[in-house]
Amino acid sequence: MTIQEAAQRSGLSAHTLRYYERIGLIHSVGRNGSGHRDYAEQDLRWLEFLTRLRSTGMPIADMCRYAQLRRMGEHTSDERREMLELHRERVRARIAELTQDLKVLDYKIDSYRELA
């Protein structure tokens, strides 16, 4: 599929896809006969995972390291798992912070309801 189709299906812009390729997050995107990028379904699955990492706050540098390890093969699986476990803990901590923030908002909303 073209970069425009991949952008539409992934929810990322063509600019972001090119950027991800330039910094090494996307590696070895195929090219069609005219030399244009030709994304495959496996590329979209990888993009979906990258999007999840990014939306949960993983820094781009960590994502690049993860992508590099992935390209290196199975012998890096322990390091990749450790990276994901560490990130999961950061996500859980952020969820706990947001839960506390939500409680404060709920309290404030309830206090306004009592005034009405």
C-alpha atoms as a PDB file:
ATOM      1  CA  MET A   1       0.000   0.000   0.000  1.00  0.00           C
ATOM      2  CA  THR A   2       1.152   3.553  -0.605  1.00  0.00           C
ATOM      3  CA  ILE A   3       2.339   5.886   2.102  1.00  0.00           C
ATOM      4  CA  GLN A   4      -0.982   7.731   1.887  1.00  0.00           C
ATOM      5  CA  GLU A   5      -2.912   4.495   2.398  1.00  0.00           C
ATOM      6  CA  ALA A   6      -0.625   3.497   5.274  1.00  0.00           C
ATOM      7  CA  ALA A   7      -1.085   6.930   6.821  1.00  0.00           C
ATOM      8  CA  GLN A   8      -4.855   6.688   6.564  1.00  0.00           C
ATOM      9  CA  ARG A   9      -4.988   3.170   8.003  1.00  0.00           C
ATOM     10  CA  SER A  10      -2.497   3.850  10.795  1.00  0.00           C
ATOM     11  CA  GLY A  11      -3.848   7.250  11.779  1.00  0.00           C
ATOM     12  CA  LEU A  12      -0.388   8.739  11.387  1.00  0.00           C
ATOM     13  CA  SER A  13       0.524  11.384   8.842  1.00  0.00           C
ATOM     14  CA  ALA A  14       2.724  10.629   5.846  1.00  0.00           C
ATOM     15  CA  HIS A  15       5.191  13.107   7.359  1.00  0.00           C
ATOM     16  CA  THR A  16       5.290  11.073  10.596  1.00  0.00           C
ATOM     17  CA  LEU A  17       5.804   7.841   8.654  1.00  0.00           C
ATOM     18  CA  ARG A  18       8.747   9.372   6.801  1.00  0.00           C
ATOM     19  CA  TYR A  19      10.131  10.716  10.094  1.00  0.00           C
ATOM     20  CA  TYR A  20       9.792   7.302  11.757  1.00  0.00           C
ATOM     21  CA  GLU A  21      11.644   5.761   8.822  1.00  0.00           C
ATOM     22  CA  ARG A  22      14.370   8.423   8.948  1.00  0.00           C
ATOM     23  CA  ILE A  23      15.061   7.894  12.676  1.00  0.00           C
ATOM     24  CA  GLY A  24      14.972   4.097  12.408  1.00  0.00           C
ATOM     25  CA  LEU A  25      11.614   3.255  13.970  1.00  0.00           C
ATOM     26  CA  ILE A  26      10.419   1.834  10.663  1.00  0.00           C
ATOM     27  CA  HIS A  27      12.996  -0.238   8.885  1.00  0.00           C
ATOM     28  CA  SER A  28      13.063  -1.772   5.445  1.00  0.00           C
ATOM     29  CA  VAL A  29       9.779  -0.527   4.030  1.00  0.00           C
ATOM     30  CA  GLY A  30       9.515  -2.152   0.633  1.00  0.00           C
ATOM     31  CA  ARG A  31       9.529  -0.169  -2.590  1.00  0.00           C
ATOM     32  CA  ASN A  32       7.317  -0.726  -5.594  1.00  0.00           C
ATOM     33  CA  GLY A  33       8.454  -0.769  -9.217  1.00  0.00           C
ATOM     34  CA  SER A  34       8.503   3.022  -9.406  1.00  0.00           C
ATOM     35  CA  GLY A  35      10.519   3.336  -6.200  1.00  0.00           C
ATOM     36  CA  HIS A  36       7.680   4.511  -3.964  1.00  0.00           C
ATOM     37  CA  ARG A  37       7.239   3.106  -0.466  1.00  0.00           C
ATOM     38  CA  ASP A  38       5.093  -0.028  -0.438  1.00  0.00           C
ATOM     39  CA  TYR A  39       3.790  -0.766   3.064  1.00  0.00           C
ATOM     40  CA  ALA A  40       2.699  -4.286   4.024  1.00  0.00           C
ATOM     41  CA  GLU A  41       0.252  -5.454   6.691  1.00  0.00           C
ATOM     42  CA  GLN A  42       3.160  -6.320   8.989  1.00  0.00           C
ATOM     43  CA  ASP A  43       4.311  -2.699   8.735  1.00  0.00           C
ATOM     44  CA  LEU A  44       0.860  -1.570   9.893  1.00  0.00           C
ATOM     45  CA  ARG A  45       0.952  -3.952  12.853  1.00  0.00           C
ATOM     46  CA  TRP A  46       4.354  -2.529  13.832  1.00  0.00           C
ATOM     47  CA  LEU A  47       3.027   1.027  13.419  1.00  0.00           C
ATOM     48  CA  GLU A  48       0.076   0.190  15.668  1.00  0.00           C
ATOM     49  CA  PHE A  49       2.475  -1.034  18.363  1.00  0.00           C
ATOM     50  CA  LEU A  50       4.650   2.066  17.986  1.00  0.00           C
ATOM     51  CA  THR A  51       1.544   4.235  18.298  1.00  0.00           C
ATOM     52  CA  ARG A  52       0.637   2.466  21.551  1.00  0.00           C
ATOM     53  CA  LEU A  53       4.120   3.004  22.920  1.00  0.00           C
ATOM     54  CA  ARG A  54       4.019   6.676  21.983  1.00  0.00           C
ATOM     55  CA  SER A  55       0.493   7.272  23.313  1.00  0.00           C
ATOM     56  CA  THR A  56       1.519   5.755  26.649  1.00  0.00           C
ATOM     57  CA  GLY A  57       4.428   8.171  26.888  1.00  0.00           C
ATOM     58  CA  MET A  58       7.444   6.146  25.811  1.00  0.00           C
ATOM     59  CA  PRO A  59      10.176   8.553  24.708  1.00  0.00           C
ATOM     60  CA  ILE A  60      11.172   8.389  21.039  1.00  0.00           C
ATOM     61  CA  ALA A  61      14.740   7.462  22.043  1.00  0.00           C
ATOM     62  CA  ASP A  62      13.454   4.410  23.934  1.00  0.00           C
ATOM     63  CA  MET A  63      11.243   3.475  20.998  1.00  0.00           C
ATOM     64  CA  CYS A  64      14.282   3.685  18.706  1.00  0.00           C
ATOM     65  CA  ARG A  65      16.275   1.464  21.052  1.00  0.00           C
ATOM     66  CA  TYR A  66      13.421  -1.049  21.146  1.00  0.00           C
ATOM     67  CA  ALA A  67      13.210  -1.025  17.325  1.00  0.00           C
ATOM     68  CA  GLN A  68      16.964  -1.519  17.073  1.00  0.00           C
ATOM     69  CA  LEU A  69      16.839  -4.474  19.452  1.00  0.00           C
ATOM     70  CA  ARG A  70      13.924  -5.965  17.509  1.00  0.00           C
ATOM     71  CA  ARG A  71      15.935  -5.816  14.295  1.00  0.00           C
ATOM     72  CA  MET A  72      18.843  -7.567  16.040  1.00  0.00           C
ATOM     73  CA  GLY A  73      16.735 -10.676  16.563  1.00  0.00           C
ATOM     74  CA  GLU A  74      15.494 -13.102  19.176  1.00  0.00           C
ATOM     75  CA  HIS A  75      18.597 -12.950  21.349  1.00  0.00           C
ATOM     76  CA  THR A  76      17.462  -9.458  22.435  1.00  0.00           C
ATOM     77  CA  SER A  77      14.073 -10.616  23.691  1.00  0.00           C
ATOM     78  CA  ASP A  78      15.061 -10.365  27.371  1.00  0.00           C
ATOM     79  CA  GLU A  79      16.177  -6.765  26.988  1.00  0.00           C
ATOM     80  CA  ARG A  80      13.039  -5.888  25.037  1.00  0.00           C
ATOM     81  CA  ARG A  81      10.856  -7.507  27.710  1.00  0.00           C
ATOM     82  CA  GLU A  82      12.700  -5.555  30.413  1.00  0.00           C
ATOM     83  CA  MET A  83      12.143  -2.323  28.499  1.00  0.00           C
ATOM     84  CA  LEU A  84       8.436  -3.052  28.221  1.00  0.00           C
ATOM     85  CA  GLU A  85       8.173  -4.020  31.887  1.00  0.00           C
ATOM     86  CA  LEU A  86       9.819  -0.745  32.918  1.00  0.00           C
ATOM     87  CA  HIS A  87       7.534   1.195  30.614  1.00  0.00           C
ATOM     88  CA  ARG A  88       4.508  -0.658  31.986  1.00  0.00           C
ATOM     89  CA  GLU A  89       5.465   0.476  35.490  1.00  0.00           C
ATOM     90  CA  ARG A  90       5.689   4.092  34.294  1.00  0.00           C
ATOM     91  CA  VAL A  91       2.273   3.738  32.656  1.00  0.00           C
ATOM     92  CA  ARG A  92       0.798   2.293  35.845  1.00  0.00           C
ATOM     93  CA  ALA A  93       2.274   5.159  37.868  1.00  0.00           C
ATOM     94  CA  ARG A  94       0.770   7.665  35.426  1.00  0.00           C
ATOM     95  CA  ILE A  95      -2.620   5.946  35.652  1.00  0.00           C
ATOM     96  CA  ALA A  96      -2.427   6.202  39.458  1.00  0.00           C
ATOM     97  CA  GLU A  97      -1.660   9.934  39.160  1.00  0.00           C
ATOM     98  CA  LEU A  98      -4.553  10.433  36.766  1.00  0.00           C
ATOM     99  CA  THR A  99      -6.862   8.497  39.076  1.00  0.00           C
ATOM    100  CA  GLN A 100      -5.998  10.889  41.903  1.00  0.00           C
ATOM    101  CA  ASP A 101      -6.506  13.873  39.579  1.00  0.00           C
ATOM    102  CA  LEU A 102      -9.908  12.493  38.615  1.00  0.00           C
ATOM    103  CA  LYS A 103     -10.902  12.183  42.268  1.00  0.00           C
ATOM    104  CA  VAL A 104     -10.073  15.853  42.801  1.00  0.00           C
ATOM    105  CA  LEU A 105     -12.147  16.811  39.761  1.00  0.00           C
ATOM    106  CA  ASP A 106     -15.060  14.677  40.960  1.00  0.00           C
ATOM    107  CA  TYR A 107     -14.876  16.303  44.385  1.00  0.00           C
ATOM    108  CA  LYS A 108     -14.894  19.782  42.875  1.00  0.00           C
ATOM    109  CA  ILE A 109     -17.811  18.946  40.554  1.00  0.00           C
ATOM    110  CA  ASP A 110     -19.768  17.503  43.465  1.00  0.00           C
ATOM    111  CA  SER A 111     -19.118  20.633  45.519  1.00  0.00           C
ATOM    112  CA  TYR A 112     -20.542  22.789  42.715  1.00  0.00           C
ATOM    113  CA  ARG A 113     -23.602  20.518  42.478  1.00  0.00           C
ATOM    114  CA  GLU A 114     -24.232  21.031  46.208  1.00  0.00           C
ATOM    115  CA  LEU A 115     -24.226  24.813  45.659  1.00  0.00           C
ATOM    116  CA  ALA A 116     -26.970  24.580  43.020  1.00  0.00           C
END
